[in-house]
Amino acid sequence: MPKMKTKSSAKKRFKLTGTGKVKANVAFKRHCLSAKTSKMKRQHRGTFMLFKTDSDNVKKFYLPNGG
């Protein structure tokens, strides 16, 4: 059986923390920012942690070698 490869798109979108959680960027911050409220732009800065079920799927199917 061949080696499992990490998905290239997942490498760019997700990072694993030291405790095994999956960190991702927040969406809707790229363009048309004048139409979005200051509150939304402020709250969408930085990154967030995926929920456990989502992170389990990401680690199993997209980042099998730990990203």
PDB file of N, CA and C in Angstrom:
ATOM      1  N   MET A   1       0.847  -1.183   0.000  1.00  0.00           N
ATOM      2  CA  MET A   1       0.000   0.000   0.000  1.00  0.00           C
ATOM      3  C   MET A   1       0.891   1.244   0.000  1.00  0.00           C
ATOM      4  N   PRO A   2       0.573   2.232  -0.846  1.00  0.00           N
ATOM      5  CA  PRO A   2       1.421   3.426  -0.914  1.00  0.00           C
ATOM      6  C   PRO A   2       1.266   4.312   0.327  1.00  0.00           C
ATOM      7  N   LYS A   3       2.214   5.206   0.467  1.00  0.00           N
ATOM      8  CA  LYS A   3       2.156   6.148   1.579  1.00  0.00           C
ATOM      9  C   LYS A   3       0.960   7.076   1.411  1.00  0.00           C
ATOM     10  N   MET A   4       0.415   7.536   2.538  1.00  0.00           N
ATOM     11  CA  MET A   4      -0.671   8.522   2.483  1.00  0.00           C
ATOM     12  C   MET A   4      -0.053   9.897   2.314  1.00  0.00           C
ATOM     13  N   LYS A   5      -0.576  10.658   1.388  1.00  0.00           N
ATOM     14  CA  LYS A   5      -0.063  11.996   1.145  1.00  0.00           C
ATOM     15  C   LYS A   5      -0.920  13.028   1.868  1.00  0.00           C
ATOM     16  N   THR A   6      -0.283  14.111   2.283  1.00  0.00           N
ATOM     17  CA  THR A   6      -0.999  15.246   2.841  1.00  0.00           C
ATOM     18  C   THR A   6      -1.583  16.057   1.688  1.00  0.00           C
ATOM     19  N   LYS A   7      -2.849  16.484   1.832  1.00  0.00           N
ATOM     20  CA  LYS A   7      -3.471  17.306   0.796  1.00  0.00           C
ATOM     21  C   LYS A   7      -2.794  18.679   0.767  1.00  0.00           C
ATOM     22  N   SER A   8      -2.395  19.121  -0.407  1.00  0.00           N
ATOM     23  CA  SER A   8      -1.678  20.392  -0.536  1.00  0.00           C
ATOM     24  C   SER A   8      -2.536  21.571  -0.101  1.00  0.00           C
ATOM     25  N   SER A   9      -3.843  21.510  -0.397  1.00  0.00           N
ATOM     26  CA  SER A   9      -4.713  22.620   0.003  1.00  0.00           C
ATOM     27  C   SER A   9      -4.842  22.694   1.520  1.00  0.00           C
ATOM     28  N   ALA A  10      -4.842  21.545   2.188  1.00  0.00           N
ATOM     29  CA  ALA A  10      -4.968  21.529   3.642  1.00  0.00           C
ATOM     30  C   ALA A  10      -3.706  22.052   4.307  1.00  0.00           C
ATOM     31  N   LYS A  11      -2.548  21.809   3.683  1.00  0.00           N
ATOM     32  CA  LYS A  11      -1.289  22.329   4.235  1.00  0.00           C
ATOM     33  C   LYS A  11      -1.343  23.841   4.353  1.00  0.00           C
ATOM     34  N   LYS A  12      -1.997  24.469   3.367  1.00  0.00           N
ATOM     35  CA  LYS A  12      -2.034  25.929   3.330  1.00  0.00           C
ATOM     36  C   LYS A  12      -3.117  26.504   4.233  1.00  0.00           C
ATOM     37  N   ARG A  13      -4.123  25.720   4.581  1.00  0.00           N
ATOM     38  CA  ARG A  13      -5.269  26.237   5.317  1.00  0.00           C
ATOM     39  C   ARG A  13      -5.262  25.912   6.798  1.00  0.00           C
ATOM     40  N   PHE A  14      -4.625  24.824   7.197  1.00  0.00           N
ATOM     41  CA  PHE A  14      -4.686  24.367   8.580  1.00  0.00           C
ATOM     42  C   PHE A  14      -3.296  24.191   9.162  1.00  0.00           C
ATOM     43  N   LYS A  15      -3.195  24.407  10.477  1.00  0.00           N
ATOM     44  CA  LYS A  15      -1.970  24.124  11.224  1.00  0.00           C
ATOM     45  C   LYS A  15      -2.369  23.322  12.457  1.00  0.00           C
ATOM     46  N   LEU A  16      -1.498  22.410  12.867  1.00  0.00           N
ATOM     47  CA  LEU A  16      -1.736  21.656  14.089  1.00  0.00           C
ATOM     48  C   LEU A  16      -0.981  22.312  15.239  1.00  0.00           C
ATOM     49  N   THR A  17      -1.651  22.418  16.389  1.00  0.00           N
ATOM     50  CA  THR A  17      -1.001  22.963  17.568  1.00  0.00           C
ATOM     51  C   THR A  17      -0.243  21.846  18.272  1.00  0.00           C
ATOM     52  N   GLY A  18       0.490  22.190  19.298  1.00  0.00           N
ATOM     53  CA  GLY A  18       1.252  21.202  20.036  1.00  0.00           C
ATOM     54  C   GLY A  18       0.377  20.189  20.745  1.00  0.00           C
ATOM     55  N   THR A  19      -0.839  20.580  21.114  1.00  0.00           N
ATOM     56  CA  THR A  19      -1.743  19.665  21.806  1.00  0.00           C
ATOM     57  C   THR A  19      -2.619  18.881  20.845  1.00  0.00           C
ATOM     58  N   GLY A  20      -2.449  19.091  19.532  1.00  0.00           N
ATOM     59  CA  GLY A  20      -3.194  18.312  18.550  1.00  0.00           C
ATOM     60  C   GLY A  20      -4.449  18.962  18.037  1.00  0.00           C
ATOM     61  N   LYS A  21      -4.724  20.188  18.447  1.00  0.00           N
ATOM     62  CA  LYS A  21      -5.891  20.891  17.916  1.00  0.00           C
ATOM     63  C   LYS A  21      -5.567  21.430  16.534  1.00  0.00           C
ATOM     64  N   VAL A  22      -6.608  21.732  15.760  1.00  0.00           N
ATOM     65  CA  VAL A  22      -6.419  22.243  14.402  1.00  0.00           C
ATOM     66  C   VAL A  22      -6.791  23.717  14.379  1.00  0.00           C
ATOM     67  N   LYS A  23      -5.855  24.528  13.902  1.00  0.00           N
ATOM     68  CA  LYS A  23      -6.022  25.974  13.847  1.00  0.00           C
ATOM     69  C   LYS A  23      -6.294  26.374  12.402  1.00  0.00           C
ATOM     70  N   ALA A  24      -7.248  27.293  12.183  1.00  0.00           N
ATOM     71  CA  ALA A  24      -7.601  27.714  10.829  1.00  0.00           C
ATOM     72  C   ALA A  24      -7.827  29.220  10.789  1.00  0.00           C
ATOM     73  N   ASN A  25      -7.790  29.779   9.595  1.00  0.00           N
ATOM     74  CA  ASN A  25      -8.059  31.195   9.413  1.00  0.00           C
ATOM     75  C   ASN A  25      -9.555  31.441   9.319  1.00  0.00           C
ATOM     76  N   VAL A  26      -9.970  32.655   9.660  1.00  0.00           N
ATOM     77  CA  VAL A  26     -11.373  33.029   9.583  1.00  0.00           C
ATOM     78  C   VAL A  26     -11.677  33.527   8.175  1.00  0.00           C
ATOM     79  N   ALA A  27     -12.850  33.159   7.651  1.00  0.00           N
ATOM     80  CA  ALA A  27     -13.232  33.511   6.290  1.00  0.00           C
ATOM     81  C   ALA A  27     -13.819  34.928   6.213  1.00  0.00           C
ATOM     82  N   PHE A  28     -14.070  35.381   5.002  1.00  0.00           N
ATOM     83  CA  PHE A  28     -14.747  36.653   4.689  1.00  0.00           C
ATOM     84  C   PHE A  28     -13.931  37.880   5.070  1.00  0.00           C
ATOM     85  N   LYS A  29     -12.615  37.837   4.861  1.00  0.00           N
ATOM     86  CA  LYS A  29     -11.787  39.004   5.153  1.00  0.00           C
ATOM     87  C   LYS A  29     -10.918  39.419   3.969  1.00  0.00           C
ATOM     88  N   ARG A  30     -11.238  39.025   2.738  1.00  0.00           N
ATOM     89  CA  ARG A  30     -10.354  39.249   1.607  1.00  0.00           C
ATOM     90  C   ARG A  30     -10.692  40.486   0.778  1.00  0.00           C
ATOM     91  N   HIS A  31     -11.961  40.699   0.488  1.00  0.00           N
ATOM     92  CA  HIS A  31     -12.316  41.816  -0.391  1.00  0.00           C
ATOM     93  C   HIS A  31     -13.713  42.305  -0.030  1.00  0.00           C
ATOM     94  N   CYS A  32     -14.130  43.425  -0.622  1.00  0.00           N
ATOM     95  CA  CYS A  32     -15.413  44.068  -0.323  1.00  0.00           C
ATOM     96  C   CYS A  32     -15.507  44.405   1.163  1.00  0.00           C
ATOM     97  N   LEU A  33     -14.408  44.872   1.732  1.00  0.00           N
ATOM     98  CA  LEU A  33     -14.390  45.135   3.168  1.00  0.00           C
ATOM     99  C   LEU A  33     -15.181  46.386   3.536  1.00  0.00           C
ATOM    100  N   SER A  34     -15.421  47.252   2.560  1.00  0.00           N
ATOM    101  CA  SER A  34     -16.186  48.467   2.868  1.00  0.00           C
ATOM    102  C   SER A  34     -17.635  48.133   3.194  1.00  0.00           C
ATOM    103  N   ALA A  35     -18.125  47.010   2.721  1.00  0.00           N
ATOM    104  CA  ALA A  35     -19.514  46.625   2.975  1.00  0.00           C
ATOM    105  C   ALA A  35     -19.673  45.891   4.300  1.00  0.00           C
ATOM    106  N   LYS A  36     -18.572  45.520   4.932  1.00  0.00           N
ATOM    107  CA  LYS A  36     -18.639  44.756   6.175  1.00  0.00           C
ATOM    108  C   LYS A  36     -18.456  45.683   7.374  1.00  0.00           C
ATOM    109  N   THR A  37     -19.075  45.335   8.481  1.00  0.00           N
ATOM    110  CA  THR A  37     -19.033  46.195   9.655  1.00  0.00           C
ATOM    111  C   THR A  37     -17.668  46.108  10.336  1.00  0.00           C
ATOM    112  N   SER A  38     -17.352  47.141  11.084  1.00  0.00           N
ATOM    113  CA  SER A  38     -16.091  47.152  11.827  1.00  0.00           C
ATOM    114  C   SER A  38     -16.054  46.026  12.843  1.00  0.00           C
ATOM    115  N   LYS A  39     -17.181  45.730  13.439  1.00  0.00           N
ATOM    116  CA  LYS A  39     -17.251  44.646  14.418  1.00  0.00           C
ATOM    117  C   LYS A  39     -16.864  43.312  13.778  1.00  0.00           C
ATOM    118  N   MET A  40     -17.399  43.048  12.592  1.00  0.00           N
ATOM    119  CA  MET A  40     -17.086  41.792  11.917  1.00  0.00           C
ATOM    120  C   MET A  40     -15.617  41.725  11.546  1.00  0.00           C
ATOM    121  N   LYS A  41     -15.076  42.825  11.014  1.00  0.00           N
ATOM    122  CA  LYS A  41     -13.674  42.829  10.608  1.00  0.00           C
ATOM    123  C   LYS A  41     -12.759  42.645  11.813  1.00  0.00           C
ATOM    124  N   ARG A  42     -13.120  43.212  12.946  1.00  0.00           N
ATOM    125  CA  ARG A  42     -12.322  43.083  14.158  1.00  0.00           C
ATOM    126  C   ARG A  42     -12.387  41.650  14.693  1.00  0.00           C
ATOM    127  N   GLN A  43     -13.591  41.072  14.719  1.00  0.00           N
ATOM    128  CA  GLN A  43     -13.755  39.734  15.281  1.00  0.00           C
ATOM    129  C   GLN A  43     -13.156  38.648  14.385  1.00  0.00           C
ATOM    130  N   HIS A  44     -12.971  38.943  13.098  1.00  0.00           N
ATOM    131  CA  HIS A  44     -12.440  37.937  12.175  1.00  0.00           C
ATOM    132  C   HIS A  44     -10.932  38.040  11.986  1.00  0.00           C
ATOM    133  N   ARG A  45     -10.268  38.832  12.795  1.00  0.00           N
ATOM    134  CA  ARG A  45      -8.805  38.873  12.748  1.00  0.00           C
ATOM    135  C   ARG A  45      -8.240  37.579  13.314  1.00  0.00           C
ATOM    136  N   GLY A  46      -7.056  37.217  12.854  1.00  0.00           N
ATOM    137  CA  GLY A  46      -6.369  36.085  13.461  1.00  0.00           C
ATOM    138  C   GLY A  46      -6.936  34.745  13.052  1.00  0.00           C
ATOM    139  N   THR A  47      -6.870  33.791  13.958  1.00  0.00           N
ATOM    140  CA  THR A  47      -7.255  32.414  13.669  1.00  0.00           C
ATOM    141  C   THR A  47      -8.231  31.909  14.721  1.00  0.00           C
ATOM    142  N   PHE A  48      -8.739  30.698  14.497  1.00  0.00           N
ATOM    143  CA  PHE A  48      -9.626  30.064  15.474  1.00  0.00           C
ATOM    144  C   PHE A  48      -9.388  28.566  15.456  1.00  0.00           C
ATOM    145  N   MET A  49      -9.853  27.881  16.481  1.00  0.00           N
ATOM    146  CA  MET A  49      -9.707  26.432  16.584  1.00  0.00           C
ATOM    147  C   MET A  49     -10.964  25.754  16.047  1.00  0.00           C
ATOM    148  N   LEU A  50     -10.769  24.717  15.254  1.00  0.00           N
ATOM    149  CA  LEU A  50     -11.901  23.955  14.746  1.00  0.00           C
ATOM    150  C   LEU A  50     -12.538  23.155  15.875  1.00  0.00           C
ATOM    151  N   PHE A  51     -13.829  22.840  15.712  1.00  0.00           N
ATOM    152  CA  PHE A  51     -14.502  21.969  16.657  1.00  0.00           C
ATOM    153  C   PHE A  51     -13.904  20.567  16.568  1.00  0.00           C
ATOM    154  N   LYS A  52     -14.098  19.775  17.609  1.00  0.00           N
ATOM    155  CA  LYS A  52     -13.438  18.471  17.705  1.00  0.00           C
ATOM    156  C   LYS A  52     -13.777  17.551  16.535  1.00  0.00           C
ATOM    157  N   THR A  53     -15.044  17.465  16.152  1.00  0.00           N
ATOM    158  CA  THR A  53     -15.418  16.548  15.071  1.00  0.00           C
ATOM    159  C   THR A  53     -14.800  16.981  13.749  1.00  0.00           C
ATOM    160  N   ASP A  54     -14.782  18.300  13.497  1.00  0.00           N
ATOM    161  CA  ASP A  54     -14.163  18.799  12.272  1.00  0.00           C
ATOM    162  C   ASP A  54     -12.659  18.551  12.285  1.00  0.00           C
ATOM    163  N   SER A  55     -12.030  18.789  13.425  1.00  0.00           N
ATOM    164  CA  SER A  55     -10.583  18.604  13.501  1.00  0.00           C
ATOM    165  C   SER A  55     -10.204  17.130  13.368  1.00  0.00           C
ATOM    166  N   ASP A  56     -11.050  16.238  13.876  1.00  0.00           N
ATOM    167  CA  ASP A  56     -10.784  14.808  13.702  1.00  0.00           C
ATOM    168  C   ASP A  56     -10.792  14.434  12.223  1.00  0.00           C
ATOM    169  N   ASN A  57     -11.745  14.972  11.473  1.00  0.00           N
ATOM    170  CA  ASN A  57     -11.819  14.678  10.043  1.00  0.00           C
ATOM    171  C   ASN A  57     -10.635  15.268   9.296  1.00  0.00           C
ATOM    172  N   VAL A  58     -10.242  16.485   9.636  1.00  0.00           N
ATOM    173  CA  VAL A  58      -9.100  17.116   8.970  1.00  0.00           C
ATOM    174  C   VAL A  58      -7.841  16.299   9.214  1.00  0.00           C
ATOM    175  N   LYS A  59      -7.633  15.883  10.455  1.00  0.00           N
ATOM    176  CA  LYS A  59      -6.423  15.116  10.773  1.00  0.00           C
ATOM    177  C   LYS A  59      -6.431  13.742  10.104  1.00  0.00           C
ATOM    178  N   LYS A  60      -7.592  13.127   9.993  1.00  0.00           N
ATOM    179  CA  LYS A  60      -7.678  11.781   9.431  1.00  0.00           C
ATOM    180  C   LYS A  60      -7.534  11.781   7.908  1.00  0.00           C
ATOM    181  N   PHE A  61      -8.229  12.695   7.228  1.00  0.00           N
ATOM    182  CA  PHE A  61      -8.298  12.639   5.772  1.00  0.00           C
ATOM    183  C   PHE A  61      -7.359  13.599   5.064  1.00  0.00           C
ATOM    184  N   TYR A  62      -7.014  14.725   5.685  1.00  0.00           N
ATOM    185  CA  TYR A  62      -6.253  15.747   4.985  1.00  0.00           C
ATOM    186  C   TYR A  62      -4.825  15.919   5.496  1.00  0.00           C
ATOM    187  N   LEU A  63      -4.602  15.695   6.777  1.00  0.00           N
ATOM    188  CA  LEU A  63      -3.273  15.853   7.354  1.00  0.00           C
ATOM    189  C   LEU A  63      -2.845  14.567   8.062  1.00  0.00           C
ATOM    190  N   PRO A  64      -2.766  13.449   7.346  1.00  0.00           N
ATOM    191  CA  PRO A  64      -2.456  12.190   8.036  1.00  0.00           C
ATOM    192  C   PRO A  64      -1.066  12.145   8.622  1.00  0.00           C
ATOM    193  N   ASN A  65      -0.137  12.948   8.096  1.00  0.00           N
ATOM    194  CA  ASN A  65       1.244  12.926   8.597  1.00  0.00           C
ATOM    195  C   ASN A  65       1.542  14.087   9.533  1.00  0.00           C
ATOM    196  N   GLY A  66       0.504  14.742  10.017  1.00  0.00           N
ATOM    197  CA  GLY A  66       0.688  15.809  10.975  1.00  0.00           C
ATOM    198  C   GLY A  66       0.917  17.171  10.371  1.00  0.00           C
ATOM    199  N   GLY A  67       0.589  17.318   9.103  1.00  0.00           N
ATOM    200  CA  GLY A  67       0.654  18.621   8.451  1.00  0.00           C
ATOM    201  C   GLY A  67       2.020  19.140   8.282  1.00  0.00           C
TER     202      GLY A  67
END
